[in-house]
N, C-alpha and C. Protein backbone atom coordinates (compact mmCIF):
# COMPACT_ATOMS: atom_id res chain seq x y z
N UNK A 1 129.74 -9.35 112.53
CA UNK A 1 128.41 -9.31 113.12
C UNK A 1 127.97 -7.90 112.74
N UNK A 2 128.54 -7.13 112.03
CA UNK A 2 127.88 -6.06 111.19
C UNK A 2 127.06 -6.69 110.21
N UNK A 3 127.64 -7.68 109.68
CA UNK A 3 126.86 -8.09 108.30
C UNK A 3 125.21 -8.71 108.77
N UNK A 4 125.59 -9.58 109.95
CA UNK A 4 124.38 -10.16 110.57
C UNK A 4 123.29 -8.96 110.98
N UNK A 5 123.65 -8.06 111.44
CA UNK A 5 122.99 -7.02 112.10
C UNK A 5 122.17 -6.25 110.64
N UNK A 6 122.73 -6.13 109.48
CA UNK A 6 122.08 -5.76 108.26
C UNK A 6 121.38 -6.55 107.98
N UNK A 7 121.69 -8.09 108.00
CA UNK A 7 120.66 -8.59 107.41
C UNK A 7 119.27 -8.89 108.44
N UNK A 8 119.26 -8.67 109.88
CA UNK A 8 118.25 -8.88 110.66
C UNK A 8 117.47 -7.58 110.35
N UNK A 9 118.29 -6.67 110.17
CA UNK A 9 117.60 -5.04 109.99
C UNK A 9 116.67 -5.09 108.37
N UNK A 10 117.40 -5.67 107.66
CA UNK A 10 116.64 -6.21 106.15
C UNK A 10 115.59 -7.00 106.58
N UNK A 11 115.62 -8.09 107.15
CA UNK A 11 114.90 -8.96 107.39
C UNK A 11 113.53 -8.37 108.29
N UNK A 12 113.48 -7.88 109.01
CA UNK A 12 112.64 -6.72 109.98
C UNK A 12 112.06 -6.04 109.20
N UNK A 13 112.54 -5.02 108.08
CA UNK A 13 112.15 -4.65 107.04
C UNK A 13 110.90 -5.24 106.42
N UNK A 14 111.49 -6.46 105.99
CA UNK A 14 110.80 -7.09 104.87
C UNK A 14 109.41 -7.50 105.44
N UNK A 15 109.51 -7.87 107.01
CA UNK A 15 108.36 -8.25 107.53
C UNK A 15 107.45 -7.41 107.84
N UNK A 16 107.94 -6.01 108.30
CA UNK A 16 107.15 -5.04 108.63
C UNK A 16 106.07 -4.60 107.15
N UNK A 17 106.85 -4.46 105.96
CA UNK A 17 106.11 -4.08 105.01
C UNK A 17 105.12 -5.38 104.49
N UNK A 18 105.33 -6.69 104.66
CA UNK A 18 104.78 -7.67 104.50
C UNK A 18 103.25 -7.82 105.37
N UNK A 19 103.75 -7.31 106.70
CA UNK A 19 102.50 -7.13 107.47
C UNK A 19 101.66 -5.87 107.10
N UNK A 20 102.22 -4.84 106.32
CA UNK A 20 101.42 -3.66 106.04
C UNK A 20 100.74 -4.43 104.89
N UNK A 21 101.29 -4.89 103.87
CA UNK A 21 100.49 -5.48 102.78
C UNK A 21 99.25 -6.32 103.47
N UNK A 22 99.46 -7.38 103.90
CA UNK A 22 98.54 -8.05 104.59
C UNK A 22 97.72 -7.41 105.15
N UNK A 23 97.96 -6.42 106.16
CA UNK A 23 96.68 -5.66 106.45
C UNK A 23 96.07 -5.05 105.45
N UNK A 24 96.41 -4.22 104.53
CA UNK A 24 95.91 -3.45 103.27
C UNK A 24 94.89 -4.79 102.72
N UNK A 25 95.34 -5.86 102.67
CA UNK A 25 94.89 -6.90 101.71
C UNK A 25 93.51 -7.42 102.64
N UNK A 26 93.66 -7.64 103.84
CA UNK A 26 92.58 -7.49 104.99
C UNK A 26 91.56 -6.59 105.04
N UNK A 27 91.80 -5.43 104.47
CA UNK A 27 90.76 -4.48 104.78
C UNK A 27 90.30 -4.23 103.46
N UNK A 28 90.90 -4.50 102.06
CA UNK A 28 90.24 -4.87 101.09
C UNK A 28 89.15 -5.80 100.91
N UNK A 29 89.47 -6.78 101.48
CA UNK A 29 88.66 -7.94 101.63
C UNK A 29 87.40 -7.73 102.51
N UNK A 30 87.45 -7.21 103.64
CA UNK A 30 86.61 -6.90 104.40
C UNK A 30 85.53 -5.60 103.67
N UNK A 31 86.19 -4.49 103.09
CA UNK A 31 85.43 -3.92 102.40
C UNK A 31 84.45 -4.34 101.15
N UNK A 32 84.87 -5.45 100.67
CA UNK A 32 84.15 -6.50 99.28
C UNK A 32 83.27 -6.83 99.85
N UNK A 33 83.53 -7.64 101.13
CA UNK A 33 82.43 -8.63 101.91
C UNK A 33 81.25 -7.79 102.27
N UNK A 34 81.98 -6.73 102.89
CA UNK A 34 80.59 -5.73 103.46
C UNK A 34 79.92 -5.27 102.11
N UNK A 35 80.22 -4.80 101.17
CA UNK A 35 79.72 -4.32 100.31
C UNK A 35 78.55 -5.53 99.66
N UNK A 36 79.33 -6.81 99.34
CA UNK A 36 78.74 -7.80 98.83
C UNK A 36 77.45 -7.90 99.74
N UNK A 37 77.67 -8.00 100.92
CA UNK A 37 76.77 -8.29 101.91
C UNK A 37 75.92 -7.21 101.72
N UNK A 38 75.96 -6.12 101.71
CA UNK A 38 74.83 -4.92 101.85
C UNK A 38 73.97 -5.12 100.63
N UNK A 39 74.63 -5.48 99.46
CA UNK A 39 74.01 -5.45 98.27
C UNK A 39 73.01 -7.00 98.62
N UNK A 40 73.37 -7.80 99.14
CA UNK A 40 72.23 -9.02 99.05
C UNK A 40 71.30 -8.62 100.07
N UNK A 41 71.77 -8.04 101.31
CA UNK A 41 70.29 -7.37 102.15
C UNK A 41 69.82 -6.67 101.23
N UNK A 42 70.28 -5.87 100.79
CA UNK A 42 69.51 -4.89 99.93
C UNK A 42 68.36 -5.38 98.93
N UNK A 43 68.72 -6.58 98.24
CA UNK A 43 68.18 -7.25 97.34
C UNK A 43 66.70 -8.07 97.91
N UNK A 44 67.04 -8.39 99.24
CA UNK A 44 66.39 -9.43 99.63
C UNK A 44 64.55 -8.70 100.40
N UNK A 45 64.64 -7.09 100.16
CA UNK A 45 63.44 -6.70 100.30
C UNK A 45 62.84 -6.69 101.77
N UNK A 46 63.99 -6.99 102.81
CA UNK A 46 63.58 -6.93 104.14
C UNK A 46 62.84 -5.56 104.64
N UNK A 47 62.24 -5.73 105.77
CA UNK A 47 61.14 -4.71 106.56
C UNK A 47 62.33 -4.44 107.66
N UNK A 48 62.24 -2.87 107.78
CA UNK A 48 63.52 -2.44 108.92
C UNK A 48 62.43 -2.91 110.01
N UNK A 49 63.41 -2.70 111.40
CA UNK A 49 63.12 -3.23 112.53
C UNK A 49 62.24 -1.99 113.33
N UNK A 50 62.26 -0.77 113.07
CA UNK A 50 61.14 0.17 113.08
C UNK A 50 59.92 -0.15 112.93
N UNK A 51 59.98 -0.13 111.61
CA UNK A 51 58.58 -0.57 110.57
C UNK A 51 57.95 -1.84 111.18
N UNK A 52 58.78 -2.67 111.60
CA UNK A 52 58.01 -4.01 112.11
C UNK A 52 57.88 -3.87 113.53
N UNK A 53 58.31 -3.21 114.34
CA UNK A 53 57.70 -2.92 115.71
C UNK A 53 56.50 -1.92 115.79
N UNK A 54 56.80 -1.19 114.77
CA UNK A 54 55.43 -0.08 114.54
C UNK A 54 54.31 -1.15 114.39
N UNK A 55 54.23 -1.80 113.42
CA UNK A 55 53.32 -2.75 112.89
C UNK A 55 52.85 -3.80 114.12
N UNK A 56 53.73 -4.33 114.78
CA UNK A 56 53.48 -5.24 115.85
C UNK A 56 52.49 -4.50 117.03
N UNK A 57 53.05 -3.23 117.08
CA UNK A 57 52.55 -2.56 118.17
C UNK A 57 50.60 -2.10 117.94
N UNK A 58 50.37 -1.76 116.65
CA UNK A 58 49.45 -1.32 115.83
C UNK A 58 48.70 -2.50 115.94
N UNK A 59 48.90 -3.89 115.60
CA UNK A 59 48.36 -4.95 115.46
C UNK A 59 47.85 -5.85 117.20
N UNK A 60 48.70 -5.55 117.69
CA UNK A 60 48.62 -5.84 119.28
C UNK A 60 47.30 -4.49 119.84
N UNK A 61 47.33 -3.57 119.36
CA UNK A 61 46.17 -2.52 120.09
C UNK A 61 44.95 -2.81 118.87
N UNK A 62 44.88 -3.10 117.63
CA UNK A 62 43.77 -3.44 116.88
C UNK A 62 43.29 -4.93 117.54
N UNK A 63 44.09 -5.82 118.01
CA UNK A 63 43.46 -7.11 118.40
C UNK A 63 42.78 -6.80 119.74
N UNK A 64 43.34 -6.13 120.59
CA UNK A 64 42.56 -5.66 121.77
C UNK A 64 41.12 -5.13 121.65
N UNK A 65 41.18 -4.07 120.67
CA UNK A 65 39.81 -3.56 120.31
C UNK A 65 39.02 -4.50 119.71
N UNK A 66 39.46 -5.69 119.30
CA UNK A 66 38.55 -6.54 118.59
C UNK A 66 38.00 -7.47 119.57
N UNK A 67 38.98 -7.79 120.51
CA UNK A 67 38.46 -8.58 121.40
C UNK A 67 37.21 -8.05 122.70
N UNK A 68 37.49 -6.34 122.47
CA UNK A 68 36.27 -5.82 123.43
C UNK A 68 35.03 -5.72 122.52
N UNK A 69 34.98 -5.59 121.28
CA UNK A 69 34.03 -5.50 120.24
C UNK A 69 33.46 -7.05 120.23
N UNK A 70 34.16 -7.89 120.49
CA UNK A 70 33.46 -9.33 120.42
C UNK A 70 32.79 -9.48 121.83
N UNK A 71 33.23 -9.02 122.69
CA UNK A 71 32.65 -8.86 124.01
C UNK A 71 31.21 -8.29 123.93
N UNK A 72 31.30 -6.87 123.50
CA UNK A 72 30.14 -6.37 123.17
C UNK A 72 29.14 -6.92 122.25
N UNK A 73 29.47 -7.50 121.05
CA UNK A 73 28.49 -8.19 120.49
C UNK A 73 27.93 -9.23 121.41
N UNK A 74 28.81 -10.03 121.99
CA UNK A 74 28.23 -11.25 122.93
C UNK A 74 27.19 -10.69 123.81
N UNK A 75 27.75 -9.62 124.55
CA UNK A 75 26.45 -8.99 125.54
C UNK A 75 25.35 -8.54 125.01
N UNK A 76 25.29 -8.00 123.92
CA UNK A 76 24.07 -7.68 122.65
C UNK A 76 23.12 -8.78 122.61
N UNK A 77 23.87 -9.65 122.22
CA UNK A 77 22.96 -10.93 121.43
C UNK A 77 22.04 -11.41 122.70
N UNK A 78 21.01 -11.78 122.22
CA UNK A 78 19.66 -12.58 123.49
C UNK A 78 20.26 -13.87 123.63
N UNK A 79 20.40 -13.95 124.95
CA UNK A 79 20.47 -15.55 125.27
C UNK A 79 19.48 -16.45 125.22
N UNK A 80 19.46 -17.44 124.42
CA UNK A 80 18.59 -18.52 124.00
C UNK A 80 18.52 -19.26 125.28
N UNK A 81 17.04 -19.41 125.27
CA UNK A 81 16.71 -20.44 126.57
C UNK A 81 16.91 -21.78 126.38
N UNK A 82 17.06 -22.49 127.01
CA UNK A 82 17.12 -24.06 127.02
C UNK A 82 15.53 -24.94 126.98
N UNK A 83 15.43 -25.57 125.97
CA UNK A 83 14.28 -25.93 125.68
C UNK A 83 14.24 -27.19 126.79
């Protein structure tokens, strides 16, 4: 009975060590994948979200100003009479 207990204790230790090694490998793989993804995204010359939102707001404001100017120009043009 004592022999079986030692066997199971040894087996349990081996399984714990294997789980620890597997966890270490998992973390290492995650680190490598994350760094590769960051490098890939960095090489793509992407726009940051804050910059995109700021530019979108600016374009929206300018579009509204252009519409107002078009209305003013249309109001200043002499209306042609139907012949």
